[in-house]
Amino acid sequence: MLQFDLQLQQFVGPNGTLSVPVDDEITRKLAMLLEGECQELGPLRAALKFGFSKQRYFQLRQAFADRGALALQSRKRGPKRNYRRTDEVVRQVIRHRFLDPDASAAVIAQKLRQSGWIISTRSVERIVAHFGLQKKTSSLPTDD
């Protein structure tokens, strides 16, 4: 009977072994599905063996059924693009910074919001820091 050994990261069968790279998450998830569906382990025990919940097991099984093995690869979480700090908003922040170098990030954010742009003060601060547009501070005199 073919099984996947998590500690050795390899398939173990009656006639030998097949090693799997440690960072190969697709093969590891596929091994879980094989053990859960095709062997006596069952979904719950297979999920627990591989460190997943029963719910996640069924999500992966459905993804595999719909789109094949590549659907088992993890994807980056969170927003896929910068939907608040678009190129145009960045240009507007830079424009406002150059028009009024003494304006704070809060003032720039307020002006942009009044013009219909959706942006937070923190986003303006990030843009200013990213482009090095911070205000220059005068150095303190030293006492000699």
C-alpha atoms as a PDB file:
ATOM      1  CA  MET A   1       0.000   0.000   0.000  1.00  0.00           C
ATOM      2  CA  LEU A   2       1.315   3.447  -0.946  1.00  0.00           C
ATOM      3  CA  GLN A   3       1.570   6.051   1.835  1.00  0.00           C
ATOM      4  CA  PHE A   4       3.159   9.465   2.258  1.00  0.00           C
ATOM      5  CA  ASP A   5       5.649   9.783   5.117  1.00  0.00           C
ATOM      6  CA  LEU A   6       5.507  13.386   6.339  1.00  0.00           C
ATOM      7  CA  GLN A   7       8.754  13.222   8.326  1.00  0.00           C
ATOM      8  CA  LEU A   8      10.794  11.789   5.450  1.00  0.00           C
ATOM      9  CA  GLN A   9       8.833  13.772   2.816  1.00  0.00           C
ATOM     10  CA  GLN A  10       8.484  10.756   0.558  1.00  0.00           C
ATOM     11  CA  PHE A  11       6.016   8.273  -0.808  1.00  0.00           C
ATOM     12  CA  VAL A  12       6.596   4.828   0.634  1.00  0.00           C
ATOM     13  CA  GLY A  13       5.310   1.770  -1.205  1.00  0.00           C
ATOM     14  CA  PRO A  14       5.895  -1.960  -1.204  1.00  0.00           C
ATOM     15  CA  ASN A  15       8.612  -1.715  -3.869  1.00  0.00           C
ATOM     16  CA  GLY A  16      10.455   1.444  -2.797  1.00  0.00           C
ATOM     17  CA  THR A  17      10.256   5.152  -2.048  1.00  0.00           C
ATOM     18  CA  LEU A  18       9.935   8.393  -3.977  1.00  0.00           C
ATOM     19  CA  SER A  19      11.235  11.564  -2.335  1.00  0.00           C
ATOM     20  CA  VAL A  20       9.336  14.845  -2.635  1.00  0.00           C
ATOM     21  CA  PRO A  21      10.991  18.278  -2.271  1.00  0.00           C
ATOM     22  CA  VAL A  22      10.219  19.841   1.119  1.00  0.00           C
ATOM     23  CA  ASP A  23       8.688  22.972  -0.435  1.00  0.00           C
ATOM     24  CA  ASP A  24       6.387  21.054  -2.836  1.00  0.00           C
ATOM     25  CA  GLU A  25       3.008  21.897  -1.334  1.00  0.00           C
ATOM     26  CA  ILE A  26       1.033  20.660  -4.332  1.00  0.00           C
ATOM     27  CA  THR A  27       2.350  17.106  -4.029  1.00  0.00           C
ATOM     28  CA  ARG A  28       1.808  17.107  -0.267  1.00  0.00           C
ATOM     29  CA  LYS A  29      -1.823  18.223  -0.651  1.00  0.00           C
ATOM     30  CA  LEU A  30      -2.365  15.719  -3.453  1.00  0.00           C
ATOM     31  CA  ALA A  31      -0.951  12.967  -1.233  1.00  0.00           C
ATOM     32  CA  MET A  32      -3.452  13.974   1.455  1.00  0.00           C
ATOM     33  CA  LEU A  33      -6.321  13.729  -1.028  1.00  0.00           C
ATOM     34  CA  LEU A  34      -5.099  10.352  -2.274  1.00  0.00           C
ATOM     35  CA  GLU A  35      -4.873   8.972   1.238  1.00  0.00           C
ATOM     36  CA  GLY A  36      -8.250  10.417   2.171  1.00  0.00           C
ATOM     37  CA  GLU A  37     -10.115   9.308  -0.941  1.00  0.00           C
ATOM     38  CA  CYS A  38      -8.340   6.178  -2.168  1.00  0.00           C
ATOM     39  CA  GLN A  39      -7.127   4.557   1.033  1.00  0.00           C
ATOM     40  CA  GLU A  40      -8.672   3.605   4.334  1.00  0.00           C
ATOM     41  CA  LEU A  41      -7.631   6.801   6.103  1.00  0.00           C
ATOM     42  CA  GLY A  42     -10.732   8.851   5.243  1.00  0.00           C
ATOM     43  CA  PRO A  43     -11.079  12.656   4.953  1.00  0.00           C
ATOM     44  CA  LEU A  44     -10.873  13.600   8.633  1.00  0.00           C
ATOM     45  CA  ARG A  45      -7.835  11.497   9.527  1.00  0.00           C
ATOM     46  CA  ALA A  46      -6.059  12.443   6.290  1.00  0.00           C
ATOM     47  CA  ALA A  47      -6.631  16.139   6.994  1.00  0.00           C
ATOM     48  CA  LEU A  48      -5.357  15.800  10.557  1.00  0.00           C
ATOM     49  CA  LYS A  49      -2.306  13.792   9.427  1.00  0.00           C
ATOM     50  CA  PHE A  50      -1.320  16.555   6.999  1.00  0.00           C
ATOM     51  CA  GLY A  51      -2.133  19.424   9.359  1.00  0.00           C
ATOM     52  CA  PHE A  52      -5.371  20.613   7.763  1.00  0.00           C
ATOM     53  CA  SER A  53      -8.930  20.925   9.016  1.00  0.00           C
ATOM     54  CA  LYS A  54     -11.709  18.743   7.648  1.00  0.00           C
ATOM     55  CA  GLN A  55     -13.253  21.840   6.056  1.00  0.00           C
ATOM     56  CA  ARG A  56      -9.989  22.711   4.298  1.00  0.00           C
ATOM     57  CA  TYR A  57      -9.687  19.115   3.102  1.00  0.00           C
ATOM     58  CA  PHE A  58     -13.061  19.367   1.346  1.00  0.00           C
ATOM     59  CA  GLN A  59     -12.181  22.782  -0.102  1.00  0.00           C
ATOM     60  CA  LEU A  60      -8.978  21.339  -1.576  1.00  0.00           C
ATOM     61  CA  ARG A  61     -10.833  18.283  -2.881  1.00  0.00           C
ATOM     62  CA  GLN A  62     -13.348  20.518  -4.666  1.00  0.00           C
ATOM     63  CA  ALA A  63     -10.617  22.767  -6.075  1.00  0.00           C
ATOM     64  CA  PHE A  64      -8.774  19.699  -7.361  1.00  0.00           C
ATOM     65  CA  ALA A  65     -11.948  18.316  -8.927  1.00  0.00           C
ATOM     66  CA  ASP A  66     -12.685  21.652 -10.628  1.00  0.00           C
ATOM     67  CA  ARG A  67      -9.250  22.767 -11.794  1.00  0.00           C
ATOM     68  CA  GLY A  68      -6.722  19.953 -11.257  1.00  0.00           C
ATOM     69  CA  ALA A  69      -3.451  19.830  -9.343  1.00  0.00           C
ATOM     70  CA  LEU A  70      -2.474  23.487  -9.933  1.00  0.00           C
ATOM     71  CA  ALA A  71      -5.525  24.536  -7.898  1.00  0.00           C
ATOM     72  CA  LEU A  72      -3.783  23.058  -4.837  1.00  0.00           C
ATOM     73  CA  GLN A  73      -1.067  25.717  -4.909  1.00  0.00           C
ATOM     74  CA  SER A  74      -1.494  28.396  -2.250  1.00  0.00           C
ATOM     75  CA  ARG A  75      -2.111  31.920  -3.448  1.00  0.00           C
ATOM     76  CA  LYS A  76      -1.128  35.209  -1.941  1.00  0.00           C
ATOM     77  CA  ARG A  77      -3.760  36.518   0.437  1.00  0.00           C
ATOM     78  CA  GLY A  78      -5.117  40.029   0.579  1.00  0.00           C
ATOM     79  CA  PRO A  79      -5.608  42.621  -2.124  1.00  0.00           C
ATOM     80  CA  LYS A  80      -3.994  41.799  -5.451  1.00  0.00           C
ATOM     81  CA  ARG A  81      -3.415  45.413  -6.405  1.00  0.00           C
ATOM     82  CA  ASN A  82      -3.120  48.828  -4.824  1.00  0.00           C
ATOM     83  CA  TYR A  83      -6.725  49.941  -5.093  1.00  0.00           C
ATOM     84  CA  ARG A  84      -6.410  53.017  -2.871  1.00  0.00           C
ATOM     85  CA  ARG A  85      -2.989  54.304  -3.856  1.00  0.00           C
ATOM     86  CA  THR A  86      -3.481  54.249  -7.608  1.00  0.00           C
ATOM     87  CA  ASP A  87      -0.974  55.928  -9.920  1.00  0.00           C
ATOM     88  CA  GLU A  88      -3.236  58.967 -10.219  1.00  0.00           C
ATOM     89  CA  VAL A  89      -3.611  59.342  -6.439  1.00  0.00           C
ATOM     90  CA  VAL A  90       0.173  59.088  -6.049  1.00  0.00           C
ATOM     91  CA  ARG A  91       0.596  61.836  -8.664  1.00  0.00           C
ATOM     92  CA  GLN A  92      -1.913  64.020  -6.817  1.00  0.00           C
ATOM     93  CA  VAL A  93      -0.114  63.547  -3.479  1.00  0.00           C
ATOM     94  CA  ILE A  94       3.219  64.467  -5.074  1.00  0.00           C
ATOM     95  CA  ARG A  95       1.602  67.441  -6.799  1.00  0.00           C
ATOM     96  CA  HIS A  96       0.123  68.720  -3.523  1.00  0.00           C
ATOM     97  CA  ARG A  97       3.438  68.182  -1.731  1.00  0.00           C
ATOM     98  CA  PHE A  98       5.279  70.284  -4.309  1.00  0.00           C
ATOM     99  CA  LEU A  99       2.593  72.988  -4.361  1.00  0.00           C
ATOM    100  CA  ASP A 100       2.735  73.318  -0.579  1.00  0.00           C
ATOM    101  CA  PRO A 101       5.883  71.725   0.921  1.00  0.00           C
ATOM    102  CA  ASP A 102       4.802  72.702   4.450  1.00  0.00           C
ATOM    103  CA  ALA A 103       1.437  70.894   4.237  1.00  0.00           C
ATOM    104  CA  SER A 104       1.144  67.893   6.513  1.00  0.00           C
ATOM    105  CA  ALA A 105      -0.023  64.479   5.327  1.00  0.00           C
ATOM    106  CA  ALA A 106      -3.361  65.106   7.060  1.00  0.00           C
ATOM    107  CA  VAL A 107      -3.862  68.363   5.131  1.00  0.00           C
ATOM    108  CA  ILE A 108      -2.956  66.726   1.810  1.00  0.00           C
ATOM    109  CA  ALA A 109      -5.311  63.821   2.530  1.00  0.00           C
ATOM    110  CA  GLN A 110      -8.105  66.247   3.420  1.00  0.00           C
ATOM    111  CA  LYS A 111      -7.594  68.231   0.187  1.00  0.00           C
ATOM    112  CA  LEU A 112      -7.675  65.033  -1.860  1.00  0.00           C
ATOM    113  CA  ARG A 113     -10.824  63.800  -0.122  1.00  0.00           C
ATOM    114  CA  GLN A 114     -12.490  67.166  -0.813  1.00  0.00           C
ATOM    115  CA  SER A 115     -11.607  66.638  -4.482  1.00  0.00           C
ATOM    116  CA  GLY A 116     -13.313  63.235  -4.464  1.00  0.00           C
ATOM    117  CA  TRP A 117     -10.318  60.945  -3.977  1.00  0.00           C
ATOM    118  CA  ILE A 118     -10.647  58.180  -1.383  1.00  0.00           C
ATOM    119  CA  ILE A 119      -7.419  58.158   0.624  1.00  0.00           C
ATOM    120  CA  SER A 120      -6.384  57.986   4.252  1.00  0.00           C
ATOM    121  CA  THR A 121      -3.826  60.134   5.996  1.00  0.00           C
ATOM    122  CA  ARG A 122      -1.681  57.030   6.545  1.00  0.00           C
ATOM    123  CA  SER A 123      -1.652  56.297   2.804  1.00  0.00           C
ATOM    124  CA  VAL A 124      -0.472  59.851   2.123  1.00  0.00           C
ATOM    125  CA  GLU A 125       2.270  59.353   4.734  1.00  0.00           C
ATOM    126  CA  ARG A 126       3.360  56.148   3.001  1.00  0.00           C
ATOM    127  CA  ILE A 127       3.503  57.844  -0.402  1.00  0.00           C
ATOM    128  CA  VAL A 128       5.492  60.756   0.997  1.00  0.00           C
ATOM    129  CA  ALA A 129       7.931  58.380   2.705  1.00  0.00           C
ATOM    130  CA  HIS A 130       8.226  56.147  -0.377  1.00  0.00           C
ATOM    131  CA  PHE A 131       9.259  59.034  -2.604  1.00  0.00           C
ATOM    132  CA  GLY A 132      11.412  60.729   0.052  1.00  0.00           C
ATOM    133  CA  LEU A 133       9.266  63.849   0.163  1.00  0.00           C
ATOM    134  CA  GLN A 134       9.454  64.364   3.917  1.00  0.00           C
ATOM    135  CA  LYS A 135      10.048  67.820   5.245  1.00  0.00           C
ATOM    136  CA  LYS A 136      13.631  68.590   6.030  1.00  0.00           C
ATOM    137  CA  THR A 137      14.259  69.407   9.649  1.00  0.00           C
ATOM    138  CA  SER A 138      16.913  71.821  10.703  1.00  0.00           C
ATOM    139  CA  SER A 139      19.671  70.348  12.811  1.00  0.00           C
ATOM    140  CA  LEU A 140      19.873  71.435  16.427  1.00  0.00           C
ATOM    141  CA  PRO A 141      22.805  73.661  17.365  1.00  0.00           C
ATOM    142  CA  THR A 142      25.436  71.891  19.416  1.00  0.00           C
ATOM    143  CA  ASP A 143      26.709  73.316  22.673  1.00  0.00           C
ATOM    144  CA  ASP A 144      30.501  73.491  22.641  1.00  0.00           C
END
